[in-house]
């Protein structure tokens, strides 16, 4: 995704999703320090204020936290991270199902199509 932002969504939300993905797939583990605002701004080629807003929102969700004068860290609560990962997965599945149903498929047809992909 880096530098390929959807013009229909705020960039900070897209950055948040990328950071969450990095946590979910294990790029960052529980207790790991997150890259600095400046480093992330370079990685994503966006204004540091955009990164700051994304990180502040992630802090609000509890997936990361700040240590004064030390930086931001991934939550040490693996259950919270697992719950957020499941929430994201459920939402994506619901979106996919809704889109498929909008074009005429029912759940059994969708399941059959998925099974045929193997």
PDB file of N, CA and C in Angstrom:
ATOM      1  N   UNK A   1       0.807  -1.193   0.000  1.00  0.00           N
ATOM      2  CA  UNK A   1       0.000   0.000   0.000  1.00  0.00           C
ATOM      3  C   UNK A   1       0.854   1.263   0.000  1.00  0.00           C
ATOM      4  N   UNK A   2       1.985   1.232   0.584  1.00  0.00           N
ATOM      5  CA  UNK A   2       2.804   2.414   0.749  1.00  0.00           C
ATOM      6  C   UNK A   2       2.699   3.333  -0.464  1.00  0.00           C
ATOM      7  N   UNK A   3       2.218   4.547  -0.225  1.00  0.00           N
ATOM      8  CA  UNK A   3       2.072   5.589  -1.240  1.00  0.00           C
ATOM      9  C   UNK A   3       0.910   5.374  -2.206  1.00  0.00           C
ATOM     10  N   UNK A   4       0.147   4.337  -2.054  1.00  0.00           N
ATOM     11  CA  UNK A   4      -0.996   4.094  -2.934  1.00  0.00           C
ATOM     12  C   UNK A   4      -2.276   4.234  -2.119  1.00  0.00           C
ATOM     13  N   UNK A   5      -2.619   5.461  -1.836  1.00  0.00           N
ATOM     14  CA  UNK A   5      -3.773   5.719  -0.985  1.00  0.00           C
ATOM     15  C   UNK A   5      -5.038   5.866  -1.813  1.00  0.00           C
ATOM     16  N   UNK A   6      -6.131   5.406  -1.240  1.00  0.00           N
ATOM     17  CA  UNK A   6      -7.449   5.558  -1.847  1.00  0.00           C
ATOM     18  C   UNK A   6      -7.872   7.014  -1.655  1.00  0.00           C
ATOM     19  N   UNK A   7      -8.114   7.737  -2.742  1.00  0.00           N
ATOM     20  CA  UNK A   7      -8.469   9.153  -2.602  1.00  0.00           C
ATOM     21  C   UNK A   7      -9.828   9.380  -1.939  1.00  0.00           C
ATOM     22  N   UNK A   8     -10.615   8.313  -1.790  1.00  0.00           N
ATOM     23  CA  UNK A   8     -11.944   8.443  -1.189  1.00  0.00           C
ATOM     24  C   UNK A   8     -11.951   8.260   0.323  1.00  0.00           C
ATOM     25  N   UNK A   9     -10.802   7.898   0.897  1.00  0.00           N
ATOM     26  CA  UNK A   9     -10.705   7.697   2.343  1.00  0.00           C
ATOM     27  C   UNK A   9      -9.621   8.592   2.921  1.00  0.00           C
ATOM     28  N   UNK A  10      -9.820   9.104   4.139  1.00  0.00           N
ATOM     29  CA  UNK A  10      -8.763   9.905   4.763  1.00  0.00           C
ATOM     30  C   UNK A  10      -7.465   9.082   4.882  1.00  0.00           C
ATOM     31  N   UNK A  11      -6.362   9.704   4.591  1.00  0.00           N
ATOM     32  CA  UNK A  11      -5.072   9.009   4.606  1.00  0.00           C
ATOM     33  C   UNK A  11      -4.761   8.468   5.995  1.00  0.00           C
ATOM     34  N   UNK A  12      -5.088   9.219   7.054  1.00  0.00           N
ATOM     35  CA  UNK A  12      -4.751   8.742   8.395  1.00  0.00           C
ATOM     36  C   UNK A  12      -5.451   7.428   8.705  1.00  0.00           C
ATOM     37  N   UNK A  13      -6.674   7.234   8.196  1.00  0.00           N
ATOM     38  CA  UNK A  13      -7.383   5.964   8.413  1.00  0.00           C
ATOM     39  C   UNK A  13      -6.688   4.820   7.680  1.00  0.00           C
ATOM     40  N   UNK A  14      -6.186   5.110   6.496  1.00  0.00           N
ATOM     41  CA  UNK A  14      -5.477   4.092   5.729  1.00  0.00           C
ATOM     42  C   UNK A  14      -4.150   3.727   6.389  1.00  0.00           C
ATOM     43  N   UNK A  15      -3.485   4.722   6.944  1.00  0.00           N
ATOM     44  CA  UNK A  15      -2.238   4.467   7.676  1.00  0.00           C
ATOM     45  C   UNK A  15      -2.537   3.623   8.920  1.00  0.00           C
ATOM     46  N   UNK A  16      -3.614   3.958   9.613  1.00  0.00           N
ATOM     47  CA  UNK A  16      -4.020   3.171  10.788  1.00  0.00           C
ATOM     48  C   UNK A  16      -4.201   1.705  10.408  1.00  0.00           C
ATOM     49  N   UNK A  17      -4.885   1.464   9.305  1.00  0.00           N
ATOM     50  CA  UNK A  17      -5.137   0.088   8.863  1.00  0.00           C
ATOM     51  C   UNK A  17      -3.833  -0.635   8.544  1.00  0.00           C
ATOM     52  N   UNK A  18      -2.902   0.051   7.940  1.00  0.00           N
ATOM     53  CA  UNK A  18      -1.611  -0.558   7.624  1.00  0.00           C
ATOM     54  C   UNK A  18      -0.835  -0.920   8.892  1.00  0.00           C
ATOM     55  N   UNK A  19      -0.854  -0.031   9.865  1.00  0.00           N
ATOM     56  CA  UNK A  19      -0.148  -0.303  11.122  1.00  0.00           C
ATOM     57  C   UNK A  19      -0.823  -1.464  11.844  1.00  0.00           C
ATOM     58  N   UNK A  20      -2.152  -1.477  11.860  1.00  0.00           N
ATOM     59  CA  UNK A  20      -2.870  -2.604  12.473  1.00  0.00           C
ATOM     60  C   UNK A  20      -2.500  -3.911  11.770  1.00  0.00           C
ATOM     61  N   UNK A  21      -2.450  -3.868  10.447  1.00  0.00           N
ATOM     62  CA  UNK A  21      -2.066  -5.064   9.691  1.00  0.00           C
ATOM     63  C   UNK A  21      -0.671  -5.536  10.096  1.00  0.00           C
ATOM     64  N   UNK A  22       0.244  -4.580  10.237  1.00  0.00           N
ATOM     65  CA  UNK A  22       1.609  -4.938  10.655  1.00  0.00           C
ATOM     66  C   UNK A  22       1.611  -5.617  12.016  1.00  0.00           C
ATOM     67  N   UNK A  23       0.742  -5.175  12.890  1.00  0.00           N
ATOM     68  CA  UNK A  23       0.640  -5.795  14.221  1.00  0.00           C
ATOM     69  C   UNK A  23       0.002  -7.174  14.092  1.00  0.00           C
ATOM     70  N   UNK A  24      -1.069  -7.280  13.324  1.00  0.00           N
ATOM     71  CA  UNK A  24      -1.786  -8.548  13.186  1.00  0.00           C
ATOM     72  C   UNK A  24      -0.924  -9.640  12.562  1.00  0.00           C
ATOM     73  N   UNK A  25      -0.060  -9.276  11.613  1.00  0.00           N
ATOM     74  CA  UNK A  25       0.753 -10.295  10.941  1.00  0.00           C
ATOM     75  C   UNK A  25       2.093 -10.535  11.634  1.00  0.00           C
ATOM     76  N   UNK A  26       2.350  -9.814  12.721  1.00  0.00           N
ATOM     77  CA  UNK A  26       3.547 -10.081  13.506  1.00  0.00           C
ATOM     78  C   UNK A  26       4.766  -9.247  13.177  1.00  0.00           C
ATOM     79  N   UNK A  27       4.612  -8.220  12.348  1.00  0.00           N
ATOM     80  CA  UNK A  27       5.750  -7.325  12.118  1.00  0.00           C
ATOM     81  C   UNK A  27       6.116  -6.634  13.423  1.00  0.00           C
ATOM     82  N   UNK A  28       5.076  -6.266  14.179  1.00  0.00           N
ATOM     83  CA  UNK A  28       5.252  -5.741  15.530  1.00  0.00           C
ATOM     84  C   UNK A  28       4.582  -6.735  16.475  1.00  0.00           C
ATOM     85  N   UNK A  29       5.260  -7.073  17.556  1.00  0.00           N
ATOM     86  CA  UNK A  29       4.712  -7.988  18.554  1.00  0.00           C
ATOM     87  C   UNK A  29       4.292  -7.214  19.807  1.00  0.00           C
ATOM     88  N   UNK A  30       3.573  -7.878  20.681  1.00  0.00           N
ATOM     89  CA  UNK A  30       3.160  -7.268  21.949  1.00  0.00           C
ATOM     90  C   UNK A  30       4.388  -6.686  22.647  1.00  0.00           C
ATOM     91  N   UNK A  31       4.289  -5.411  23.017  1.00  0.00           N
ATOM     92  CA  UNK A  31       5.377  -4.754  23.733  1.00  0.00           C
ATOM     93  C   UNK A  31       6.450  -4.141  22.848  1.00  0.00           C
ATOM     94  N   UNK A  32       6.408  -4.392  21.543  1.00  0.00           N
ATOM     95  CA  UNK A  32       7.408  -3.826  20.627  1.00  0.00           C
ATOM     96  C   UNK A  32       7.208  -2.320  20.473  1.00  0.00           C
ATOM     97  N   UNK A  33       8.321  -1.643  20.287  1.00  0.00           N
ATOM     98  CA  UNK A  33       8.264  -0.207  20.024  1.00  0.00           C
ATOM     99  C   UNK A  33       7.896   0.011  18.565  1.00  0.00           C
ATOM    100  N   UNK A  34       6.978   0.949  18.347  1.00  0.00           N
ATOM    101  CA  UNK A  34       6.562   1.335  16.995  1.00  0.00           C
ATOM    102  C   UNK A  34       7.569   2.351  16.461  1.00  0.00           C
ATOM    103  N   UNK A  35       7.774   2.336  15.161  1.00  0.00           N
ATOM    104  CA  UNK A  35       8.652   3.340  14.543  1.00  0.00           C
ATOM    105  C   UNK A  35       8.166   4.743  14.913  1.00  0.00           C
ATOM    106  N   UNK A  36       9.075   5.685  14.902  1.00  0.00           N
ATOM    107  CA  UNK A  36       8.739   7.065  15.272  1.00  0.00           C
ATOM    108  C   UNK A  36       7.841   7.711  14.218  1.00  0.00           C
ATOM    109  N   UNK A  37       7.241   8.819  14.613  1.00  0.00           N
ATOM    110  CA  UNK A  37       6.394   9.579  13.689  1.00  0.00           C
ATOM    111  C   UNK A  37       7.187   9.956  12.442  1.00  0.00           C
ATOM    112  N   UNK A  38       8.389  10.437  12.619  1.00  0.00           N
ATOM    113  CA  UNK A  38       9.211  10.835  11.471  1.00  0.00           C
ATOM    114  C   UNK A  38       9.518   9.655  10.559  1.00  0.00           C
ATOM    115  N   UNK A  39       9.879   8.527  11.167  1.00  0.00           N
ATOM    116  CA  UNK A  39      10.183   7.333  10.373  1.00  0.00           C
ATOM    117  C   UNK A  39       8.960   6.866   9.584  1.00  0.00           C
ATOM    118  N   UNK A  40       7.820   6.841  10.248  1.00  0.00           N
ATOM    119  CA  UNK A  40       6.595   6.405   9.574  1.00  0.00           C
ATOM    120  C   UNK A  40       6.182   7.391   8.479  1.00  0.00           C
ATOM    121  N   UNK A  41       6.404   8.682   8.720  1.00  0.00           N
ATOM    122  CA  UNK A  41       6.086   9.686   7.702  1.00  0.00           C
ATOM    123  C   UNK A  41       6.923   9.448   6.444  1.00  0.00           C
ATOM    124  N   UNK A  42       8.155   9.051   6.627  1.00  0.00           N
ATOM    125  CA  UNK A  42       9.013   8.736   5.481  1.00  0.00           C
ATOM    126  C   UNK A  42       8.550   7.458   4.788  1.00  0.00           C
ATOM    127  N   UNK A  43       8.226   6.445   5.568  1.00  0.00           N
ATOM    128  CA  UNK A  43       7.771   5.174   5.003  1.00  0.00           C
ATOM    129  C   UNK A  43       6.528   5.369   4.142  1.00  0.00           C
ATOM    130  N   UNK A  44       5.577   6.124   4.664  1.00  0.00           N
ATOM    131  CA  UNK A  44       4.303   6.312   3.965  1.00  0.00           C
ATOM    132  C   UNK A  44       4.281   7.552   3.068  1.00  0.00           C
ATOM    133  N   UNK A  45       5.350   8.318   3.093  1.00  0.00           N
ATOM    134  CA  UNK A  45       5.437   9.553   2.294  1.00  0.00           C
ATOM    135  C   UNK A  45       4.254  10.483   2.551  1.00  0.00           C
ATOM    136  N   UNK A  46       3.981  10.691   3.840  1.00  0.00           N
ATOM    137  CA  UNK A  46       2.896  11.598   4.223  1.00  0.00           C
ATOM    138  C   UNK A  46       3.420  12.576   5.274  1.00  0.00           C
ATOM    139  N   UNK A  47       2.627  13.587   5.526  1.00  0.00           N
ATOM    140  CA  UNK A  47       2.959  14.587   6.525  1.00  0.00           C
ATOM    141  C   UNK A  47       3.010  13.943   7.920  1.00  0.00           C
ATOM    142  N   UNK A  48       3.984  14.313   8.742  1.00  0.00           N
ATOM    143  CA  UNK A  48       4.040  13.778  10.107  1.00  0.00           C
ATOM    144  C   UNK A  48       2.754  13.994  10.906  1.00  0.00           C
ATOM    145  N   UNK A  49       2.029  15.080  10.617  1.00  0.00           N
ATOM    146  CA  UNK A  49       0.763  15.313  11.326  1.00  0.00           C
ATOM    147  C   UNK A  49      -0.263  14.219  11.022  1.00  0.00           C
ATOM    148  N   UNK A  50      -0.212  13.690   9.808  1.00  0.00           N
ATOM    149  CA  UNK A  50      -1.103  12.591   9.428  1.00  0.00           C
ATOM    150  C   UNK A  50      -0.760  11.336  10.237  1.00  0.00           C
ATOM    151  N   UNK A  51       0.523  11.076  10.367  1.00  0.00           N
ATOM    152  CA  UNK A  51       0.973   9.925  11.159  1.00  0.00           C
ATOM    153  C   UNK A  51       0.577  10.116  12.615  1.00  0.00           C
ATOM    154  N   UNK A  52       0.783  11.322  13.125  1.00  0.00           N
ATOM    155  CA  UNK A  52       0.432  11.622  14.512  1.00  0.00           C
ATOM    156  C   UNK A  52      -1.045  11.348  14.765  1.00  0.00           C
ATOM    157  N   UNK A  53      -1.883  11.762  13.841  1.00  0.00           N
ATOM    158  CA  UNK A  53      -3.326  11.542  13.991  1.00  0.00           C
ATOM    159  C   UNK A  53      -3.644  10.050  13.975  1.00  0.00           C
ATOM    160  N   UNK A  54      -3.021   9.296  13.076  1.00  0.00           N
ATOM    161  CA  UNK A  54      -3.245   7.844  12.999  1.00  0.00           C
ATOM    162  C   UNK A  54      -2.817   7.170  14.301  1.00  0.00           C
ATOM    163  N   UNK A  55      -1.641   7.542  14.805  1.00  0.00           N
ATOM    164  CA  UNK A  55      -1.149   6.925  16.038  1.00  0.00           C
ATOM    165  C   UNK A  55      -2.010   7.305  17.242  1.00  0.00           C
ATOM    166  N   UNK A  56      -2.468   8.539  17.274  1.00  0.00           N
ATOM    167  CA  UNK A  56      -3.348   8.961  18.370  1.00  0.00           C
ATOM    168  C   UNK A  56      -4.638   8.151  18.372  1.00  0.00           C
ATOM    169  N   UNK A  57      -5.186   7.906  17.193  1.00  0.00           N
ATOM    170  CA  UNK A  57      -6.406   7.103  17.094  1.00  0.00           C
ATOM    171  C   UNK A  57      -6.137   5.654  17.501  1.00  0.00           C
ATOM    172  N   UNK A  58      -4.977   5.122  17.126  1.00  0.00           N
ATOM    173  CA  UNK A  58      -4.624   3.758  17.534  1.00  0.00           C
ATOM    174  C   UNK A  58      -4.453   3.673  19.050  1.00  0.00           C
ATOM    175  N   UNK A  59      -3.913   4.719  19.627  1.00  0.00           N
ATOM    176  CA  UNK A  59      -3.806   4.767  21.093  1.00  0.00           C
ATOM    177  C   UNK A  59      -5.189   4.756  21.731  1.00  0.00           C
ATOM    178  N   UNK A  60      -6.094   5.508  21.138  1.00  0.00           N
ATOM    179  CA  UNK A  60      -7.454   5.579  21.660  1.00  0.00           C
ATOM    180  C   UNK A  60      -8.112   4.198  21.678  1.00  0.00           C
ATOM    181  N   UNK A  61      -7.788   3.360  20.676  1.00  0.00           N
ATOM    182  CA  UNK A  61      -8.362   2.015  20.616  1.00  0.00           C
ATOM    183  C   UNK A  61      -7.675   1.070  21.598  1.00  0.00           C
ATOM    184  N   UNK A  62      -6.485   1.465  22.061  1.00  0.00           N
ATOM    185  CA  UNK A  62      -5.765   0.628  23.010  1.00  0.00           C
ATOM    186  C   UNK A  62      -4.765  -0.321  22.382  1.00  0.00           C
ATOM    187  N   UNK A  63      -4.679  -0.341  21.060  1.00  0.00           N
ATOM    188  CA  UNK A  63      -3.768  -1.277  20.401  1.00  0.00           C
ATOM    189  C   UNK A  63      -2.307  -0.850  20.552  1.00  0.00           C
ATOM    190  N   UNK A  64      -2.092   0.455  20.760  1.00  0.00           N
ATOM    191  CA  UNK A  64      -0.756   0.946  21.095  1.00  0.00           C
ATOM    192  C   UNK A  64      -0.884   1.886  22.283  1.00  0.00           C
ATOM    193  N   UNK A  65       0.238   2.146  22.927  1.00  0.00           N
ATOM    194  CA  UNK A  65       0.260   3.085  24.055  1.00  0.00           C
ATOM    195  C   UNK A  65       1.572   3.844  24.037  1.00  0.00           C
ATOM    196  N   UNK A  66       1.588   4.982  24.725  1.00  0.00           N
ATOM    197  CA  UNK A  66       2.774   5.839  24.786  1.00  0.00           C
ATOM    198  C   UNK A  66       3.490   5.677  26.115  1.00  0.00           C
ATOM    199  N   UNK A  67       4.808   5.760  26.034  1.00  0.00           N
ATOM    200  CA  UNK A  67       5.632   5.891  27.231  1.00  0.00           C
ATOM    201  C   UNK A  67       6.301   7.254  27.105  1.00  0.00           C
ATOM    202  N   UNK A  68       6.070   8.084  28.082  1.00  0.00           N
ATOM    203  CA  UNK A  68       6.587   9.450  28.039  1.00  0.00           C
ATOM    204  C   UNK A  68       8.077   9.469  27.702  1.00  0.00           C
ATOM    205  N   UNK A  69       8.406  10.248  26.679  1.00  0.00           N
ATOM    206  CA  UNK A  69       9.781  10.468  26.209  1.00  0.00           C
ATOM    207  C   UNK A  69      10.459   9.194  25.703  1.00  0.00           C
ATOM    208  N   UNK A  70       9.691   8.126  25.489  1.00  0.00           N
ATOM    209  CA  UNK A  70      10.285   6.885  24.979  1.00  0.00           C
ATOM    210  C   UNK A  70       9.683   6.434  23.664  1.00  0.00           C
ATOM    211  N   UNK A  71       8.458   6.828  23.383  1.00  0.00           N
ATOM    212  CA  UNK A  71       7.829   6.429  22.128  1.00  0.00           C
ATOM    213  C   UNK A  71       6.536   5.680  22.343  1.00  0.00           C
ATOM    214  N   UNK A  72       6.094   5.046  21.281  1.00  0.00           N
ATOM    215  CA  UNK A  72       4.841   4.286  21.330  1.00  0.00           C
ATOM    216  C   UNK A  72       5.144   2.805  21.191  1.00  0.00           C
ATOM    217  N   UNK A  73       4.328   2.014  21.854  1.00  0.00           N
ATOM    218  CA  UNK A  73       4.533   0.575  21.910  1.00  0.00           C
ATOM    219  C   UNK A  73       3.232  -0.157  21.629  1.00  0.00           C
ATOM    220  N   UNK A  74       3.374  -1.375  21.098  1.00  0.00           N
ATOM    221  CA  UNK A  74       2.214  -2.232  20.886  1.00  0.00           C
ATOM    222  C   UNK A  74       1.716  -2.709  22.242  1.00  0.00           C
ATOM    223  N   UNK A  75       0.410  -2.742  22.387  1.00  0.00           N
ATOM    224  CA  UNK A  75      -0.185  -3.222  23.629  1.00  0.00           C
ATOM    225  C   UNK A  75       0.376  -4.590  23.998  1.00  0.00           C
ATOM    226  N   UNK A  76       0.531  -4.818  25.273  1.00  0.00           N
ATOM    227  CA  UNK A  76       0.990  -6.117  25.747  1.00  0.00           C
ATOM    228  C   UNK A  76      -0.185  -7.064  25.988  1.00  0.00           C
ATOM    229  N   UNK A  77      -1.385  -6.582  25.712  1.00  0.00           N
ATOM    230  CA  UNK A  77      -2.601  -7.366  25.891  1.00  0.00           C
ATOM    231  C   UNK A  77      -2.899  -8.132  24.596  1.00  0.00           C
ATOM    232  N   UNK A  78      -2.405  -9.364  24.513  1.00  0.00           N
ATOM    233  CA  UNK A  78      -2.598 -10.147  23.285  1.00  0.00           C
ATOM    234  C   UNK A  78      -4.071 -10.454  23.034  1.00  0.00           C
ATOM    235  N   UNK A  79      -4.867 -10.535  24.095  1.00  0.00           N
ATOM    236  CA  UNK A  79      -6.304 -10.771  23.906  1.00  0.00           C
ATOM    237  C   UNK A  79      -6.961  -9.593  23.193  1.00  0.00           C
ATOM    238  N   UNK A  80      -6.559  -8.376  23.551  1.00  0.00           N
ATOM    239  CA  UNK A  80      -7.084  -7.180  22.886  1.00  0.00           C
ATOM    240  C   UNK A  80      -6.734  -7.216  21.405  1.00  0.00           C
ATOM    241  N   UNK A  81      -5.494  -7.540  21.094  1.00  0.00           N
ATOM    242  CA  UNK A  81      -5.058  -7.591  19.705  1.00  0.00           C
ATOM    243  C   UNK A  81      -5.815  -8.677  18.944  1.00  0.00           C
ATOM    244  N   UNK A  82      -5.978  -9.848  19.562  1.00  0.00           N
ATOM    245  CA  UNK A  82      -6.744 -10.923  18.920  1.00  0.00           C
ATOM    246  C   UNK A  82      -8.190 -10.506  18.687  1.00  0.00           C
ATOM    247  N   UNK A  83      -8.777  -9.821  19.667  1.00  0.00           N
ATOM    248  CA  UNK A  83     -10.166  -9.350  19.520  1.00  0.00           C
ATOM    249  C   UNK A  83     -10.290  -8.340  18.389  1.00  0.00           C
ATOM    250  N   UNK A  84      -9.335  -7.411  18.302  1.00  0.00           N
ATOM    251  CA  UNK A  84      -9.365  -6.416  17.225  1.00  0.00           C
ATOM    252  C   UNK A  84      -9.153  -7.069  15.865  1.00  0.00           C
ATOM    253  N   UNK A  85      -8.273  -8.070  15.822  1.00  0.00           N
ATOM    254  CA  UNK A  85      -8.030  -8.792  14.573  1.00  0.00           C
ATOM    255  C   UNK A  85      -9.302  -9.508  14.132  1.00  0.00           C
ATOM    256  N   UNK A  86      -9.999 -10.140  15.073  1.00  0.00           N
ATOM    257  CA  UNK A  86     -11.251 -10.822  14.748  1.00  0.00           C
ATOM    258  C   UNK A  86     -12.302  -9.819  14.283  1.00  0.00           C
ATOM    259  N   UNK A  87     -12.363  -8.675  14.948  1.00  0.00           N
ATOM    260  CA  UNK A  87     -13.319  -7.623  14.560  1.00  0.00           C
ATOM    261  C   UNK A  87     -13.075  -7.158  13.129  1.00  0.00           C
ATOM    262  N   UNK A  88     -11.805  -6.936  12.779  1.00  0.00           N
ATOM    263  CA  UNK A  88     -11.453  -6.514  11.426  1.00  0.00           C
ATOM    264  C   UNK A  88     -11.811  -7.621  10.428  1.00  0.00           C
ATOM    265  N   UNK A  89     -11.485  -8.865  10.783  1.00  0.00           N
ATOM    266  CA  UNK A  89     -11.793  -9.997   9.905  1.00  0.00           C
ATOM    267  C   UNK A  89     -13.286 -10.133   9.687  1.00  0.00           C
ATOM    268  N   UNK A  90     -14.053 -10.054  10.756  1.00  0.00           N
ATOM    269  CA  UNK A  90     -15.510 -10.159  10.651  1.00  0.00           C
ATOM    270  C   UNK A  90     -16.081  -9.075   9.746  1.00  0.00           C
ATOM    271  N   UNK A  91     -15.579  -7.861   9.894  1.00  0.00           N
ATOM    272  CA  UNK A  91     -16.074  -6.750   9.070  1.00  0.00           C
ATOM    273  C   UNK A  91     -15.758  -6.982   7.598  1.00  0.00           C
ATOM    274  N   UNK A  92     -14.560  -7.453   7.317  1.00  0.00           N
ATOM    275  CA  UNK A  92     -14.187  -7.701   5.920  1.00  0.00           C
ATOM    276  C   UNK A  92     -15.024  -8.823   5.315  1.00  0.00           C
ATOM    277  N   UNK A  93     -15.286  -9.860   6.107  1.00  0.00           N
ATOM    278  CA  UNK A  93     -16.116 -10.959   5.620  1.00  0.00           C
ATOM    279  C   UNK A  93     -17.537 -10.466   5.357  1.00  0.00           C
ATOM    280  N   UNK A  94     -18.083  -9.670   6.285  1.00  0.00           N
ATOM    281  CA  UNK A  94     -19.429  -9.119   6.092  1.00  0.00           C
ATOM    282  C   UNK A  94     -19.504  -8.261   4.824  1.00  0.00           C
ATOM    283  N   UNK A  95     -18.482  -7.440   4.626  1.00  0.00           N
ATOM    284  CA  UNK A  95     -18.443  -6.594   3.435  1.00  0.00           C
ATOM    285  C   UNK A  95     -18.413  -7.456   2.169  1.00  0.00           C
ATOM    286  N   UNK A  96     -17.561  -8.465   2.174  1.00  0.00           N
ATOM    287  CA  UNK A  96     -17.462  -9.367   1.033  1.00  0.00           C
ATOM    288  C   UNK A  96     -18.796 -10.063   0.768  1.00  0.00           C
ATOM    289  N   UNK A  97     -19.398 -10.604   1.821  1.00  0.00           N
ATOM    290  CA  UNK A  97     -20.687 -11.287   1.653  1.00  0.00           C
ATOM    291  C   UNK A  97     -21.754 -10.350   1.101  1.00  0.00           C
ATOM    292  N   UNK A  98     -21.823  -9.153   1.652  1.00  0.00           N
ATOM    293  CA  UNK A  98     -22.809  -8.181   1.169  1.00  0.00           C
ATOM    294  C   UNK A  98     -22.599  -7.841  -0.306  1.00  0.00           C
ATOM    295  N   UNK A  99     -21.344  -7.656  -0.697  1.00  0.00           N
ATOM    296  CA  UNK A  99     -21.053  -7.336  -2.092  1.00  0.00           C
ATOM    297  C   UNK A  99     -21.428  -8.488  -3.015  1.00  0.00           C
ATOM    298  N   UNK A 100     -21.162  -9.709  -2.586  1.00  0.00           N
ATOM    299  CA  UNK A 100     -21.509 -10.878  -3.399  1.00  0.00           C
ATOM    300  C   UNK A 100     -23.028 -11.049  -3.483  1.00  0.00           C
ATOM    301  N   UNK A 101     -23.715 -10.801  -2.381  1.00  0.00           N
ATOM    302  CA  UNK A 101     -25.175 -10.919  -2.380  1.00  0.00           C
ATOM    303  C   UNK A 101     -25.816  -9.841  -3.251  1.00  0.00           C
ATOM    304  N   UNK A 102     -25.180  -8.678  -3.307  1.00  0.00           N
ATOM    305  CA  UNK A 102     -25.698  -7.596  -4.149  1.00  0.00           C
ATOM    306  C   UNK A 102     -25.670  -7.962  -5.627  1.00  0.00           C
ATOM    307  N   UNK A 103     -24.764  -8.873  -6.005  1.00  0.00           N
ATOM    308  CA  UNK A 103     -24.706  -9.276  -7.412  1.00  0.00           C
ATOM    309  C   UNK A 103     -25.370 -10.643  -7.642  1.00  0.00           C
ATOM    310  N   UNK A 104     -26.148 -11.086  -6.641  1.00  0.00           N
ATOM    311  CA  UNK A 104     -27.008 -12.240  -6.875  1.00  0.00           C
ATOM    312  C   UNK A 104     -26.595 -13.566  -6.278  1.00  0.00           C
ATOM    313  N   UNK A 105     -25.524 -13.621  -5.520  1.00  0.00           N
ATOM    314  CA  UNK A 105     -25.108 -14.882  -4.912  1.00  0.00           C
ATOM    315  C   UNK A 105     -25.692 -15.006  -3.510  1.00  0.00           C
ATOM    316  N   UNK A 106     -26.006 -16.269  -3.110  1.00  0.00           N
ATOM    317  CA  UNK A 106     -26.385 -16.501  -1.718  1.00  0.00           C
ATOM    318  C   UNK A 106     -25.199 -17.153  -1.013  1.00  0.00           C
ATOM    319  N   UNK A 107     -25.309 -17.325   0.307  1.00  0.00           N
ATOM    320  CA  UNK A 107     -24.171 -17.816   1.088  1.00  0.00           C
ATOM    321  C   UNK A 107     -23.689 -19.183   0.607  1.00  0.00           C
ATOM    322  N   UNK A 108     -24.613 -20.071   0.293  1.00  0.00           N
ATOM    323  CA  UNK A 108     -24.189 -21.412  -0.131  1.00  0.00           C
ATOM    324  C   UNK A 108     -23.418 -21.358  -1.454  1.00  0.00           C
ATOM    325  N   UNK A 109     -23.835 -20.487  -2.350  1.00  0.00           N
ATOM    326  CA  UNK A 109     -23.124 -20.333  -3.620  1.00  0.00           C
ATOM    327  C   UNK A 109     -21.725 -19.755  -3.383  1.00  0.00           C
ATOM    328  N   UNK A 110     -21.638 -18.802  -2.463  1.00  0.00           N
ATOM    329  CA  UNK A 110     -20.346 -18.183  -2.155  1.00  0.00           C
ATOM    330  C   UNK A 110     -19.407 -19.212  -1.543  1.00  0.00           C
ATOM    331  N   UNK A 111     -19.912 -20.014  -0.615  1.00  0.00           N
ATOM    332  CA  UNK A 111     -19.092 -21.053   0.015  1.00  0.00           C
ATOM    333  C   UNK A 111     -18.599 -22.037  -1.033  1.00  0.00           C
ATOM    334  N   UNK A 112     -19.478 -22.440  -1.942  1.00  0.00           N
ATOM    335  CA  UNK A 112     -19.093 -23.375  -3.010  1.00  0.00           C
ATOM    336  C   UNK A 112     -17.989 -22.767  -3.875  1.00  0.00           C
ATOM    337  N   UNK A 113     -18.133 -21.495  -4.213  1.00  0.00           N
ATOM    338  CA  UNK A 113     -17.118 -20.831  -5.034  1.00  0.00           C
ATOM    339  C   UNK A 113     -15.770 -20.791  -4.316  1.00  0.00           C
ATOM    340  N   UNK A 114     -15.800 -20.541  -3.017  1.00  0.00           N
ATOM    341  CA  UNK A 114     -14.556 -20.490  -2.240  1.00  0.00           C
ATOM    342  C   UNK A 114     -13.910 -21.874  -2.200  1.00  0.00           C
ATOM    343  N   UNK A 115     -14.722 -22.897  -1.971  1.00  0.00           N
ATOM    344  CA  UNK A 115     -14.193 -24.261  -1.926  1.00  0.00           C
ATOM    345  C   UNK A 115     -13.586 -24.674  -3.261  1.00  0.00           C
ATOM    346  N   UNK A 116     -14.153 -24.191  -4.350  1.00  0.00           N
ATOM    347  CA  UNK A 116     -13.642 -24.524  -5.672  1.00  0.00           C
ATOM    348  C   UNK A 116     -12.311 -23.838  -5.970  1.00  0.00           C
ATOM    349  N   UNK A 117     -11.975 -22.805  -5.223  1.00  0.00           N
ATOM    350  CA  UNK A 117     -10.703 -22.108  -5.436  1.00  0.00           C
ATOM    351  C   UNK A 117      -9.501 -22.963  -5.044  1.00  0.00           C
ATOM    352  N   UNK A 118      -9.698 -23.884  -4.125  1.00  0.00           N
ATOM    353  CA  UNK A 118      -8.592 -24.750  -3.684  1.00  0.00           C
ATOM    354  C   UNK A 118      -8.189 -25.648  -4.783  1.00  0.00           C
TER     355      UNK A 118
END
